[in-house]
Amino acid sequence: MPHWSVYTGRNEPHDGIDDLPVPPPWRAFDGGPALPPPGDTDDATAVSPDRVHRAKSYVATPESVRLVNAALCLRRPLLVTGPPGTGKSSLAYAVARELRLGPVLRWNITSRSSLADGLYQYDPLSRLYAARERPDRPAAGDVEDHLRLGPLGTALLPYDRPRALLVDEIDKSDLDLPNDLLNVLEEGQYEIPELVRAARHSQDSAAEVLADGTDTPVAVHRGRVRCRAFPFVVLTSNGEREFPPAFLRRCVRLKLRRPDRDQLTDIVRAHLDTPDAAADRLITRFLERAGGGELATDQLLNALYLTGVSGLDAESRDDLAEQLMPYLSTTADGDGF
C-alpha cells in the first residue's frame, strides 16, 4: 500500500489515523481549543448492534480502500455512488471502526433537508417560554440552552482526530443543498448567528452547547466553529441525479459496482455461517436473477439466513428464496413485487 495509506479494509481496529500525512497547504485547518476524541465506535450505547455488525463484516474492495485513503489524505469528502445494497453507508461505519474515529455522525437527507438542519437546531420559542416562566432567572433564557449542533455541525468541531460523518442519500435533497454545502466543506467552518449576537452582549466568549449524539456540552467560542482535523465525510448517492461540477470537483468519487461471485462469497462468509454448498446454490440463483433486473445484496443475505433456519425441504427453500429476492424496480419483471 502507498506510504500515505492508513485504512487497510481488514476490519482490525488500530491507531493508524495518527500516522496520516500532514494535509495539503490549502486543506490545513487550525480550529481550537482541541477536543478529545469521542468514545469507542463499538460502544453499544452509542452505536446500534446492527451498525457494529455491518462495520465488522464489511468487505472492502481494493478500489474503495485506495479512494478512502485518498479522501483522508486530501481532506476531501468521499462521494460514494452505486446501486442499492452495495454497501455505500456501511463503508463509513467500517472506516470509523477500523481507524477508531468514534461513533459515526449520520445525517439522513430528505427533500426538505437544508444546510441549517445539518449544522444546528435552535428553538427560539422554548427560550421565550423559559424566560417567561423564570423572569427572576435571566439564565433561563440563554441561547445555548435551546440550541443543539447537528451531525455536520458536530463533525466540524475542533477534534484532534477526524470524526466520521455520513450524509446519506444526498441525491434525495433539493437542488440547492449540494451547492449550499460547498462553502462549509471547503472552509471547514461555520457561524451560529444566534451565538454571535449573544457574544456581543456578554463578557463570556464561550457558550456551552450540546453536540449531536451526546449529552456532554462543548464550548463554542463567540459563535464560530472551525475544524482542527477535517472530518471523514461520506456522501452516498444512488445515482438518481447529477450534481453541479463545482460540487463534484471538491469530492473524491468512488463508484461501487455489483459484487461478483467471489465478492458475494466473501460477503456471505463475513455475515453468516452458511454451508458452502447451500450458499453457492443461492449465490448462483441470485446472479442469474440479477441479470434480469435490480437486486440488492441484502436480499441474498435475507434469503440465506431464512432458508437456513426454516427447516424446509430443498424445493420449498428455493421457492422461499425466490420470494425473498424480488426485483427492486417494477419494470424488471413486469409487475415488480
C-alpha atoms as a PDB file:
ATOM      1  CA  MET A   1       0.000   0.000   0.000  1.00  0.00           C
ATOM      2  CA  PRO A   2       1.172   3.602  -0.590  1.00  0.00           C
ATOM      3  CA  HIS A   3       3.001   5.210   2.310  1.00  0.00           C
ATOM      4  CA  TRP A   4       0.093   7.623   2.848  1.00  0.00           C
ATOM      5  CA  SER A   5      -2.461   4.840   3.375  1.00  0.00           C
ATOM      6  CA  VAL A   6      -3.927   4.396   6.846  1.00  0.00           C
ATOM      7  CA  TYR A   7      -7.140   2.461   6.082  1.00  0.00           C
ATOM      8  CA  THR A   8      -6.496  -1.197   5.245  1.00  0.00           C
ATOM      9  CA  GLY A   9     -10.010  -2.615   4.850  1.00  0.00           C
ATOM     10  CA  ARG A  10      -9.112  -5.574   7.084  1.00  0.00           C
ATOM     11  CA  ASN A  11     -11.598  -4.665   9.835  1.00  0.00           C
ATOM     12  CA  GLU A  12      -8.944  -4.709  12.541  1.00  0.00           C
ATOM     13  CA  PRO A  13      -9.115  -1.533  14.693  1.00  0.00           C
ATOM     14  CA  HIS A  14      -5.839   0.369  15.027  1.00  0.00           C
ATOM     15  CA  ASP A  15      -4.443   3.870  15.596  1.00  0.00           C
ATOM     16  CA  GLY A  16      -3.128   4.364  12.085  1.00  0.00           C
ATOM     17  CA  ILE A  17      -5.026   7.638  11.787  1.00  0.00           C
ATOM     18  CA  ASP A  18      -2.243   9.157  13.899  1.00  0.00           C
ATOM     19  CA  ASP A  19       0.127   8.426  11.001  1.00  0.00           C
ATOM     20  CA  LEU A  20      -1.974  10.308   8.453  1.00  0.00           C
ATOM     21  CA  PRO A  21       0.315  12.641   6.464  1.00  0.00           C
ATOM     22  CA  VAL A  22       0.029  16.373   7.015  1.00  0.00           C
ATOM     23  CA  PRO A  23      -2.709  17.965   4.907  1.00  0.00           C
ATOM     24  CA  PRO A  24      -2.027  19.865   1.701  1.00  0.00           C
ATOM     25  CA  PRO A  25      -1.372  23.553   2.467  1.00  0.00           C
ATOM     26  CA  TRP A  26      -4.758  24.502   1.009  1.00  0.00           C
ATOM     27  CA  ARG A  27      -6.579  21.986   3.251  1.00  0.00           C
ATOM     28  CA  ALA A  28      -4.939  22.753   6.596  1.00  0.00           C
ATOM     29  CA  PHE A  29      -7.229  23.796   9.457  1.00  0.00           C
ATOM     30  CA  ASP A  30      -6.407  25.310  12.830  1.00  0.00           C
ATOM     31  CA  GLY A  31      -9.582  25.268  14.902  1.00  0.00           C
ATOM     32  CA  GLY A  32      -9.341  25.121  18.657  1.00  0.00           C
ATOM     33  CA  PRO A  33      -9.187  24.613  21.533  1.00  0.00           C
ATOM     34  CA  ALA A  34      -8.706  20.950  20.653  1.00  0.00           C
ATOM     35  CA  LEU A  35     -11.372  18.499  21.772  1.00  0.00           C
ATOM     36  CA  PRO A  36     -10.559  14.924  22.827  1.00  0.00           C
ATOM     37  CA  PRO A  37     -11.824  12.091  20.603  1.00  0.00           C
ATOM     38  CA  PRO A  38     -15.268  10.651  21.412  1.00  0.00           C
ATOM     39  CA  GLY A  39     -15.927   7.165  22.766  1.00  0.00           C
ATOM     40  CA  ASP A  40     -15.271   3.793  21.166  1.00  0.00           C
ATOM     41  CA  THR A  41     -17.071   3.086  17.877  1.00  0.00           C
ATOM     42  CA  ASP A  42     -18.115  -0.331  19.234  1.00  0.00           C
ATOM     43  CA  ASP A  43     -19.780   1.192  22.306  1.00  0.00           C
ATOM     44  CA  ALA A  44     -23.268  -0.341  22.285  1.00  0.00           C
ATOM     45  CA  THR A  45     -24.696   2.738  23.981  1.00  0.00           C
ATOM     46  CA  ALA A  46     -23.549   4.941  21.095  1.00  0.00           C
ATOM     47  CA  VAL A  47     -23.961   2.631  18.086  1.00  0.00           C
ATOM     48  CA  SER A  48     -26.703   0.139  17.315  1.00  0.00           C
ATOM     49  CA  PRO A  49     -25.674  -3.548  17.196  1.00  0.00           C
ATOM     50  CA  ASP A  50     -26.712  -3.600  13.531  1.00  0.00           C
ATOM     51  CA  ARG A  51     -24.176  -0.898  12.656  1.00  0.00           C
ATOM     52  CA  VAL A  52     -21.437  -2.571  14.677  1.00  0.00           C
ATOM     53  CA  HIS A  53     -22.079  -5.843  12.835  1.00  0.00           C
ATOM     54  CA  ARG A  54     -22.051  -4.146   9.427  1.00  0.00           C
ATOM     55  CA  ALA A  55     -18.799  -2.384  10.271  1.00  0.00           C
ATOM     56  CA  LYS A  56     -17.136  -5.611  11.414  1.00  0.00           C
ATOM     57  CA  SER A  57     -18.320  -7.643   8.426  1.00  0.00           C
ATOM     58  CA  TYR A  58     -17.835  -5.062   5.667  1.00  0.00           C
ATOM     59  CA  VAL A  59     -15.868  -6.437   2.708  1.00  0.00           C
ATOM     60  CA  ALA A  60     -13.818  -3.641   1.146  1.00  0.00           C
ATOM     61  CA  THR A  61     -12.609  -3.713  -2.448  1.00  0.00           C
ATOM     62  CA  PRO A  62      -9.093  -2.575  -3.411  1.00  0.00           C
ATOM     63  CA  GLU A  63     -10.601   0.442  -5.163  1.00  0.00           C
ATOM     64  CA  SER A  64     -12.602   1.512  -2.097  1.00  0.00           C
ATOM     65  CA  VAL A  65      -9.521   1.168   0.143  1.00  0.00           C
ATOM     66  CA  ARG A  66      -7.476   3.289  -2.257  1.00  0.00           C
ATOM     67  CA  LEU A  67     -10.058   6.067  -2.564  1.00  0.00           C
ATOM     68  CA  VAL A  68     -10.899   6.164   1.146  1.00  0.00           C
ATOM     69  CA  ASN A  69      -7.212   6.805   1.804  1.00  0.00           C
ATOM     70  CA  ALA A  70      -7.142   9.453  -0.913  1.00  0.00           C
ATOM     71  CA  ALA A  71     -10.086  11.269   0.703  1.00  0.00           C
ATOM     72  CA  LEU A  72      -8.469  11.060   4.150  1.00  0.00           C
ATOM     73  CA  CYS A  73      -5.113  12.303   2.864  1.00  0.00           C
ATOM     74  CA  LEU A  74      -6.565  15.151   0.789  1.00  0.00           C
ATOM     75  CA  ARG A  75      -9.100  16.120   3.487  1.00  0.00           C
ATOM     76  CA  ARG A  76     -11.893  15.916   0.918  1.00  0.00           C
ATOM     77  CA  PRO A  77     -15.418  14.418   1.119  1.00  0.00           C
ATOM     78  CA  LEU A  78     -15.878  10.968  -0.423  1.00  0.00           C
ATOM     79  CA  LEU A  79     -18.874  10.810  -2.776  1.00  0.00           C
ATOM     80  CA  VAL A  80     -19.948   7.154  -2.988  1.00  0.00           C
ATOM     81  CA  THR A  81     -22.384   6.190  -5.732  1.00  0.00           C
ATOM     82  CA  GLY A  82     -23.797   2.819  -6.666  1.00  0.00           C
ATOM     83  CA  PRO A  83     -26.937   0.679  -6.774  1.00  0.00           C
ATOM     84  CA  PRO A  84     -28.885  -0.058  -3.579  1.00  0.00           C
ATOM     85  CA  GLY A  85     -27.359  -2.744  -1.393  1.00  0.00           C
ATOM     86  CA  THR A  86     -23.736  -2.277  -2.446  1.00  0.00           C
ATOM     87  CA  GLY A  87     -22.560  -1.121   0.994  1.00  0.00           C
ATOM     88  CA  LYS A  88     -22.331   2.639   0.479  1.00  0.00           C
ATOM     89  CA  SER A  89     -23.374   3.614   4.001  1.00  0.00           C
ATOM     90  CA  SER A  90     -21.675   0.612   5.621  1.00  0.00           C
ATOM     91  CA  LEU A  91     -18.346   1.886   4.304  1.00  0.00           C
ATOM     92  CA  ALA A  92     -18.478   4.883   6.661  1.00  0.00           C
ATOM     93  CA  TYR A  93     -19.030   2.619   9.670  1.00  0.00           C
ATOM     94  CA  ALA A  94     -16.257   0.232   8.616  1.00  0.00           C
ATOM     95  CA  VAL A  95     -13.710   3.060   8.248  1.00  0.00           C
ATOM     96  CA  ALA A  96     -14.752   4.672  11.535  1.00  0.00           C
ATOM     97  CA  ARG A  97     -14.386   1.371  13.379  1.00  0.00           C
ATOM     98  CA  GLU A  98     -11.007   0.421  11.901  1.00  0.00           C
ATOM     99  CA  LEU A  99      -9.482   3.874  12.438  1.00  0.00           C
ATOM    100  CA  ARG A 100     -11.169   4.415  15.824  1.00  0.00           C
ATOM    101  CA  LEU A 101     -12.866   7.642  14.808  1.00  0.00           C
ATOM    102  CA  GLY A 102     -15.717   7.250  17.282  1.00  0.00           C
ATOM    103  CA  PRO A 103     -19.439   6.822  16.582  1.00  0.00           C
ATOM    104  CA  VAL A 104     -20.473   7.848  13.083  1.00  0.00           C
ATOM    105  CA  LEU A 105     -22.461  11.076  12.868  1.00  0.00           C
ATOM    106  CA  ARG A 106     -25.353  10.348  10.489  1.00  0.00           C
ATOM    107  CA  TRP A 107     -27.386  12.902   8.527  1.00  0.00           C
ATOM    108  CA  ASN A 108     -30.263  11.286   6.628  1.00  0.00           C
ATOM    109  CA  ILE A 109     -31.219  13.525   3.723  1.00  0.00           C
ATOM    110  CA  THR A 110     -34.797  14.144   2.582  1.00  0.00           C
ATOM    111  CA  SER A 111     -36.285  16.510   0.022  1.00  0.00           C
ATOM    112  CA  ARG A 112     -36.831  19.023   2.850  1.00  0.00           C
ATOM    113  CA  SER A 113     -33.291  18.916   4.276  1.00  0.00           C
ATOM    114  CA  SER A 114     -31.408  22.206   4.439  1.00  0.00           C
ATOM    115  CA  LEU A 115     -27.860  23.169   5.357  1.00  0.00           C
ATOM    116  CA  ALA A 116     -29.130  24.628   8.635  1.00  0.00           C
ATOM    117  CA  ASP A 117     -30.568  21.224   9.625  1.00  0.00           C
ATOM    118  CA  GLY A 118     -27.115  19.672   9.376  1.00  0.00           C
ATOM    119  CA  LEU A 119     -25.344  22.468  11.258  1.00  0.00           C
ATOM    120  CA  TYR A 120     -27.582  23.113  14.277  1.00  0.00           C
ATOM    121  CA  GLN A 121     -31.148  23.373  15.524  1.00  0.00           C
ATOM    122  CA  TYR A 122     -32.327  26.355  17.539  1.00  0.00           C
ATOM    123  CA  ASP A 123     -35.731  26.645  19.245  1.00  0.00           C
ATOM    124  CA  PRO A 124     -36.494  30.312  19.957  1.00  0.00           C
ATOM    125  CA  LEU A 125     -39.963  29.512  21.310  1.00  0.00           C
ATOM    126  CA  SER A 126     -38.643  27.282  24.082  1.00  0.00           C
ATOM    127  CA  ARG A 127     -36.223  30.057  25.032  1.00  0.00           C
ATOM    128  CA  LEU A 128     -39.071  32.562  25.180  1.00  0.00           C
ATOM    129  CA  TYR A 129     -41.202  30.254  27.340  1.00  0.00           C
ATOM    130  CA  ALA A 130     -38.261  29.575  29.691  1.00  0.00           C
ATOM    131  CA  ALA A 131     -37.664  33.297  30.135  1.00  0.00           C
ATOM    132  CA  ARG A 132     -41.345  33.936  30.890  1.00  0.00           C
ATOM    133  CA  GLU A 133     -41.559  31.120  33.428  1.00  0.00           C
ATOM    134  CA  ARG A 134     -38.420  32.244  35.286  1.00  0.00           C
ATOM    135  CA  PRO A 135     -38.301  36.041  34.993  1.00  0.00           C
ATOM    136  CA  ASP A 136     -36.193  36.140  38.166  1.00  0.00           C
ATOM    137  CA  ARG A 137     -33.528  33.992  36.459  1.00  0.00           C
ATOM    138  CA  PRO A 138     -32.173  35.552  33.255  1.00  0.00           C
ATOM    139  CA  ALA A 139     -30.081  32.455  32.547  1.00  0.00           C
ATOM    140  CA  ALA A 140     -33.298  30.581  31.794  1.00  0.00           C
ATOM    141  CA  GLY A 141     -33.382  32.418  28.510  1.00  0.00           C
ATOM    142  CA  ASP A 142     -29.755  31.808  27.466  1.00  0.00           C
ATOM    143  CA  VAL A 143     -29.479  30.968  23.779  1.00  0.00           C
ATOM    144  CA  GLU A 144     -27.184  27.965  24.238  1.00  0.00           C
ATOM    145  CA  ASP A 145     -29.782  26.189  26.414  1.00  0.00           C
ATOM    146  CA  HIS A 146     -32.074  25.941  23.419  1.00  0.00           C
ATOM    147  CA  LEU A 147     -29.583  25.114  20.704  1.00  0.00           C
ATOM    148  CA  ARG A 148     -28.073  21.778  19.653  1.00  0.00           C
ATOM    149  CA  LEU A 149     -25.467  21.074  16.986  1.00  0.00           C
ATOM    150  CA  GLY A 150     -26.459  18.802  14.111  1.00  0.00           C
ATOM    151  CA  PRO A 151     -24.370  15.997  12.577  1.00  0.00           C
ATOM    152  CA  LEU A 152     -22.474  18.289  10.191  1.00  0.00           C
ATOM    153  CA  GLY A 153     -22.034  20.967  12.837  1.00  0.00           C
ATOM    154  CA  THR A 154     -20.674  18.402  15.300  1.00  0.00           C
ATOM    155  CA  ALA A 155     -18.281  16.874  12.742  1.00  0.00           C
ATOM    156  CA  LEU A 156     -16.665  20.299  12.236  1.00  0.00           C
ATOM    157  CA  LEU A 157     -15.861  20.825  15.911  1.00  0.00           C
ATOM    158  CA  PRO A 158     -12.096  21.082  16.574  1.00  0.00           C
ATOM    159  CA  TYR A 159     -11.454  17.425  17.386  1.00  0.00           C
ATOM    160  CA  ASP A 160      -7.854  16.208  17.492  1.00  0.00           C
ATOM    161  CA  ARG A 161      -8.871  13.242  15.333  1.00  0.00           C
ATOM    162  CA  PRO A 162     -11.296  13.441  12.433  1.00  0.00           C
ATOM    163  CA  ARG A 163     -14.899  12.467  13.124  1.00  0.00           C
ATOM    164  CA  ALA A 164     -16.777  10.293  10.636  1.00  0.00           C
ATOM    165  CA  LEU A 165     -19.851  11.898   9.049  1.00  0.00           C
ATOM    166  CA  LEU A 166     -22.315  10.013   6.850  1.00  0.00           C
ATOM    167  CA  VAL A 167     -24.527  12.216   4.657  1.00  0.00           C
ATOM    168  CA  ASP A 168     -26.880   9.524   3.432  1.00  0.00           C
ATOM    169  CA  GLU A 169     -28.734   9.687   0.096  1.00  0.00           C
ATOM    170  CA  ILE A 170     -27.789  13.217  -0.841  1.00  0.00           C
ATOM    171  CA  ASP A 171     -29.455  12.705  -4.223  1.00  0.00           C
ATOM    172  CA  LYS A 172     -32.806  12.980  -2.378  1.00  0.00           C
ATOM    173  CA  SER A 173     -32.085  16.604  -1.464  1.00  0.00           C
ATOM    174  CA  ASP A 174     -33.469  19.616  -3.257  1.00  0.00           C
ATOM    175  CA  LEU A 175     -31.351  21.229  -5.954  1.00  0.00           C
ATOM    176  CA  ASP A 176     -29.762  23.781  -3.615  1.00  0.00           C
ATOM    177  CA  LEU A 177     -28.281  21.592  -0.870  1.00  0.00           C
ATOM    178  CA  PRO A 178     -25.118  20.392  -2.724  1.00  0.00           C
ATOM    179  CA  ASN A 179     -24.255  23.988  -3.591  1.00  0.00           C
ATOM    180  CA  ASP A 180     -25.050  25.122  -0.046  1.00  0.00           C
ATOM    181  CA  LEU A 181     -22.598  22.549   1.296  1.00  0.00           C
ATOM    182  CA  LEU A 182     -19.744  23.836  -0.871  1.00  0.00           C
ATOM    183  CA  ASN A 183     -18.567  26.707   1.303  1.00  0.00           C
ATOM    184  CA  VAL A 184     -18.882  24.860   4.621  1.00  0.00           C
ATOM    185  CA  LEU A 185     -16.972  21.801   3.388  1.00  0.00           C
ATOM    186  CA  GLU A 186     -14.397  23.956   1.619  1.00  0.00           C
ATOM    187  CA  GLU A 187     -13.713  26.242   4.571  1.00  0.00           C
ATOM    188  CA  GLY A 188     -14.255  23.689   7.331  1.00  0.00           C
ATOM    189  CA  GLN A 189     -16.081  26.259   9.434  1.00  0.00           C
ATOM    190  CA  TYR A 190     -19.401  27.977  10.069  1.00  0.00           C
ATOM    191  CA  GLU A 191     -21.054  30.545  12.317  1.00  0.00           C
ATOM    192  CA  ILE A 192     -24.082  30.330  14.564  1.00  0.00           C
ATOM    193  CA  PRO A 193     -25.656  33.799  14.223  1.00  0.00           C
ATOM    194  CA  GLU A 194     -27.660  33.473  17.448  1.00  0.00           C
ATOM    195  CA  LEU A 195     -24.460  32.873  19.436  1.00  0.00           C
ATOM    196  CA  VAL A 196     -22.531  35.570  17.555  1.00  0.00           C
ATOM    197  CA  ARG A 197     -25.185  38.129  18.561  1.00  0.00           C
ATOM    198  CA  ALA A 198     -25.275  36.870  22.148  1.00  0.00           C
ATOM    199  CA  ALA A 199     -21.464  37.149  22.397  1.00  0.00           C
ATOM    200  CA  ARG A 200     -21.659  40.882  21.657  1.00  0.00           C
ATOM    201  CA  HIS A 201     -23.574  41.408  24.893  1.00  0.00           C
ATOM    202  CA  SER A 202     -21.633  39.032  27.106  1.00  0.00           C
ATOM    203  CA  GLN A 203     -18.209  39.104  28.674  1.00  0.00           C
ATOM    204  CA  ASP A 204     -18.007  35.315  28.429  1.00  0.00           C
ATOM    205  CA  SER A 205     -16.914  34.456  24.891  1.00  0.00           C
ATOM    206  CA  ALA A 206     -17.732  30.733  25.176  1.00  0.00           C
ATOM    207  CA  ALA A 207     -21.173  29.153  25.067  1.00  0.00           C
ATOM    208  CA  GLU A 208     -21.741  25.561  26.235  1.00  0.00           C
ATOM    209  CA  VAL A 209     -23.912  23.756  23.686  1.00  0.00           C
ATOM    210  CA  LEU A 210     -24.945  20.150  23.169  1.00  0.00           C
ATOM    211  CA  ALA A 211     -23.455  18.264  20.227  1.00  0.00           C
ATOM    212  CA  ASP A 212     -25.100  15.572  18.142  1.00  0.00           C
ATOM    213  CA  GLY A 213     -25.100  12.119  19.715  1.00  0.00           C
ATOM    214  CA  THR A 214     -24.022  13.189  23.199  1.00  0.00           C
ATOM    215  CA  ASP A 215     -25.327  14.943  26.285  1.00  0.00           C
ATOM    216  CA  THR A 216     -21.914  16.391  27.116  1.00  0.00           C
ATOM    217  CA  PRO A 217     -21.735  20.128  26.299  1.00  0.00           C
ATOM    218  CA  VAL A 218     -18.933  21.528  24.170  1.00  0.00           C
ATOM    219  CA  ALA A 219     -17.634  25.080  24.136  1.00  0.00           C
ATOM    220  CA  VAL A 220     -18.330  27.275  21.104  1.00  0.00           C
ATOM    221  CA  HIS A 221     -16.336  30.498  21.178  1.00  0.00           C
ATOM    222  CA  ARG A 222     -18.075  33.682  20.016  1.00  0.00           C
ATOM    223  CA  GLY A 223     -20.457  31.645  17.875  1.00  0.00           C
ATOM    224  CA  ARG A 224     -17.794  30.366  15.478  1.00  0.00           C
ATOM    225  CA  VAL A 225     -16.860  26.738  14.833  1.00  0.00           C
ATOM    226  CA  ARG A 226     -13.760  25.718  12.875  1.00  0.00           C
ATOM    227  CA  CYS A 227     -12.461  22.196  12.499  1.00  0.00           C
ATOM    228  CA  ARG A 228      -8.990  21.099  13.510  1.00  0.00           C
ATOM    229  CA  ALA A 229      -8.934  17.682  11.823  1.00  0.00           C
ATOM    230  CA  PHE A 230     -11.159  17.701   8.747  1.00  0.00           C
ATOM    231  CA  PRO A 231     -13.830  15.006   9.206  1.00  0.00           C
ATOM    232  CA  PHE A 232     -14.053  11.856   7.119  1.00  0.00           C
ATOM    233  CA  VAL A 233     -17.193  12.729   5.165  1.00  0.00           C
ATOM    234  CA  VAL A 234     -19.042  10.074   3.169  1.00  0.00           C
ATOM    235  CA  LEU A 235     -21.829  11.316   0.906  1.00  0.00           C
ATOM    236  CA  THR A 236     -23.903   8.500  -0.599  1.00  0.00           C
ATOM    237  CA  SER A 237     -25.948   8.594  -3.780  1.00  0.00           C
ATOM    238  CA  ASN A 238     -27.942   6.022  -5.723  1.00  0.00           C
ATOM    239  CA  GLY A 239     -27.010   7.846  -8.918  1.00  0.00           C
ATOM    240  CA  GLU A 240     -30.526   9.189  -9.431  1.00  0.00           C
ATOM    241  CA  ARG A 241     -29.409  12.744 -10.233  1.00  0.00           C
ATOM    242  CA  GLU A 242     -26.467  14.779 -11.456  1.00  0.00           C
ATOM    243  CA  PHE A 243     -24.522  17.119  -9.187  1.00  0.00           C
ATOM    244  CA  PRO A 244     -23.044  20.544 -10.025  1.00  0.00           C
ATOM    245  CA  PRO A 245     -19.463  20.449 -11.392  1.00  0.00           C
ATOM    246  CA  ALA A 246     -18.289  22.756  -8.581  1.00  0.00           C
ATOM    247  CA  PHE A 247     -19.549  20.213  -6.046  1.00  0.00           C
ATOM    248  CA  LEU A 248     -18.052  17.214  -7.849  1.00  0.00           C
ATOM    249  CA  ARG A 249     -14.587  18.690  -8.181  1.00  0.00           C
ATOM    250  CA  ARG A 250     -14.381  19.121  -4.413  1.00  0.00           C
ATOM    251  CA  CYS A 251     -15.089  15.431  -3.802  1.00  0.00           C
ATOM    252  CA  VAL A 252     -13.143  12.205  -4.211  1.00  0.00           C
ATOM    253  CA  ARG A 253     -15.535   9.958  -6.130  1.00  0.00           C
ATOM    254  CA  LEU A 254     -15.991   6.232  -5.591  1.00  0.00           C
ATOM    255  CA  LYS A 255     -18.397   4.209  -7.726  1.00  0.00           C
ATOM    256  CA  LEU A 256     -19.395   0.888  -6.195  1.00  0.00           C
ATOM    257  CA  ARG A 257     -20.478  -1.848  -8.577  1.00  0.00           C
ATOM    258  CA  ARG A 258     -22.459  -5.020  -8.149  1.00  0.00           C
ATOM    259  CA  PRO A 259     -20.276  -7.610  -6.392  1.00  0.00           C
ATOM    260  CA  ASP A 260     -19.173 -10.589  -8.486  1.00  0.00           C
ATOM    261  CA  ARG A 261     -19.313 -14.212  -7.335  1.00  0.00           C
ATOM    262  CA  ASP A 262     -16.066 -14.078  -5.348  1.00  0.00           C
ATOM    263  CA  GLN A 263     -17.081 -10.874  -3.596  1.00  0.00           C
ATOM    264  CA  LEU A 264     -20.559 -12.236  -2.821  1.00  0.00           C
ATOM    265  CA  THR A 265     -18.980 -15.354  -1.337  1.00  0.00           C
ATOM    266  CA  ASP A 266     -16.743 -13.219   0.885  1.00  0.00           C
ATOM    267  CA  ILE A 267     -19.723 -11.091   1.950  1.00  0.00           C
ATOM    268  CA  VAL A 268     -21.795 -14.149   2.839  1.00  0.00           C
ATOM    269  CA  ARG A 269     -18.950 -15.661   4.869  1.00  0.00           C
ATOM    270  CA  ALA A 270     -18.469 -12.380   6.713  1.00  0.00           C
ATOM    271  CA  HIS A 271     -22.140 -12.180   7.683  1.00  0.00           C
ATOM    272  CA  LEU A 272     -23.347 -15.778   8.022  1.00  0.00           C
ATOM    273  CA  ASP A 273     -22.065 -19.212   8.958  1.00  0.00           C
ATOM    274  CA  THR A 274     -23.669 -20.946   5.996  1.00  0.00           C
ATOM    275  CA  PRO A 275     -22.599 -24.259   4.421  1.00  0.00           C
ATOM    276  CA  ASP A 276     -20.710 -23.602   1.199  1.00  0.00           C
ATOM    277  CA  ALA A 277     -22.971 -25.818  -0.924  1.00  0.00           C
ATOM    278  CA  ALA A 278     -26.173 -24.081   0.187  1.00  0.00           C
ATOM    279  CA  ALA A 279     -24.634 -20.643  -0.166  1.00  0.00           C
ATOM    280  CA  ASP A 280     -23.212 -21.416  -3.604  1.00  0.00           C
ATOM    281  CA  ARG A 281     -26.589 -22.535  -4.910  1.00  0.00           C
ATOM    282  CA  LEU A 282     -28.322 -19.352  -3.765  1.00  0.00           C
ATOM    283  CA  ILE A 283     -25.467 -17.138  -4.974  1.00  0.00           C
ATOM    284  CA  THR A 284     -25.813 -18.727  -8.414  1.00  0.00           C
ATOM    285  CA  ARG A 285     -29.570 -18.095  -8.381  1.00  0.00           C
ATOM    286  CA  PHE A 286     -29.011 -14.515  -7.205  1.00  0.00           C
ATOM    287  CA  LEU A 287     -26.561 -13.807 -10.030  1.00  0.00           C
ATOM    288  CA  GLU A 288     -28.906 -15.346 -12.594  1.00  0.00           C
ATOM    289  CA  ARG A 289     -31.794 -13.196 -11.415  1.00  0.00           C
ATOM    290  CA  ALA A 290     -29.583 -10.095 -11.221  1.00  0.00           C
ATOM    291  CA  GLY A 291     -29.137 -10.348 -14.988  1.00  0.00           C
ATOM    292  CA  GLY A 292     -32.836  -9.581 -15.452  1.00  0.00           C
ATOM    293  CA  GLY A 293     -33.300  -6.722 -13.011  1.00  0.00           C
ATOM    294  CA  GLU A 294     -32.040  -4.824  -9.975  1.00  0.00           C
ATOM    295  CA  LEU A 295     -31.339  -6.777  -6.792  1.00  0.00           C
ATOM    296  CA  ALA A 296     -29.584  -5.851  -3.540  1.00  0.00           C
ATOM    297  CA  THR A 297     -27.034  -7.913  -1.633  1.00  0.00           C
ATOM    298  CA  ASP A 298     -29.237  -7.628   1.478  1.00  0.00           C
ATOM    299  CA  GLN A 299     -31.867  -9.711  -0.325  1.00  0.00           C
ATOM    300  CA  LEU A 300     -29.381 -12.547  -0.797  1.00  0.00           C
ATOM    301  CA  LEU A 301     -28.374 -12.411   2.877  1.00  0.00           C
ATOM    302  CA  ASN A 302     -32.034 -12.447   3.950  1.00  0.00           C
ATOM    303  CA  ALA A 303     -32.726 -15.462   1.754  1.00  0.00           C
ATOM    304  CA  LEU A 304     -29.666 -17.345   3.006  1.00  0.00           C
ATOM    305  CA  TYR A 305     -30.497 -16.671   6.637  1.00  0.00           C
ATOM    306  CA  LEU A 306     -34.186 -17.554   6.473  1.00  0.00           C
ATOM    307  CA  THR A 307     -33.792 -20.632   4.312  1.00  0.00           C
ATOM    308  CA  GLY A 308     -31.039 -21.812   6.650  1.00  0.00           C
ATOM    309  CA  VAL A 309     -33.191 -21.645   9.786  1.00  0.00           C
ATOM    310  CA  SER A 310     -36.551 -22.571   8.252  1.00  0.00           C
ATOM    311  CA  GLY A 311     -36.121 -26.368   8.255  1.00  0.00           C
ATOM    312  CA  LEU A 312     -37.845 -26.605   4.861  1.00  0.00           C
ATOM    313  CA  ASP A 313     -37.071 -29.172   2.207  1.00  0.00           C
ATOM    314  CA  ALA A 314     -34.883 -28.170  -0.754  1.00  0.00           C
ATOM    315  CA  GLU A 315     -37.744 -27.326  -3.113  1.00  0.00           C
ATOM    316  CA  SER A 316     -39.585 -25.240  -0.523  1.00  0.00           C
ATOM    317  CA  ARG A 317     -36.366 -23.402   0.376  1.00  0.00           C
ATOM    318  CA  ASP A 318     -35.854 -22.495  -3.291  1.00  0.00           C
ATOM    319  CA  ASP A 319     -39.432 -21.196  -3.553  1.00  0.00           C
ATOM    320  CA  LEU A 320     -38.972 -19.115  -0.388  1.00  0.00           C
ATOM    321  CA  ALA A 321     -35.665 -17.727  -1.636  1.00  0.00           C
ATOM    322  CA  GLU A 322     -37.345 -16.724  -4.900  1.00  0.00           C
ATOM    323  CA  GLN A 323     -39.960 -14.758  -2.982  1.00  0.00           C
ATOM    324  CA  LEU A 324     -37.301 -13.060  -0.860  1.00  0.00           C
ATOM    325  CA  MET A 325     -35.403 -11.810  -3.907  1.00  0.00           C
ATOM    326  CA  PRO A 326     -37.944  -9.715  -5.868  1.00  0.00           C
ATOM    327  CA  TYR A 327     -36.684  -7.114  -8.302  1.00  0.00           C
ATOM    328  CA  LEU A 328     -36.360  -3.600  -6.902  1.00  0.00           C
ATOM    329  CA  SER A 329     -37.943  -1.933  -9.920  1.00  0.00           C
ATOM    330  CA  THR A 330     -41.413  -2.592 -11.304  1.00  0.00           C
ATOM    331  CA  THR A 331     -40.099  -2.643 -14.875  1.00  0.00           C
ATOM    332  CA  ALA A 332     -37.695  -5.573 -14.425  1.00  0.00           C
ATOM    333  CA  ASP A 333     -40.145  -8.466 -14.384  1.00  0.00           C
ATOM    334  CA  GLY A 334     -43.339  -6.797 -15.494  1.00  0.00           C
ATOM    335  CA  ASP A 335     -45.152  -6.487 -12.184  1.00  0.00           C
ATOM    336  CA  GLY A 336     -42.301  -5.896  -9.676  1.00  0.00           C
ATOM    337  CA  PHE A 337     -43.410  -7.110  -6.263  1.00  0.00           C
END
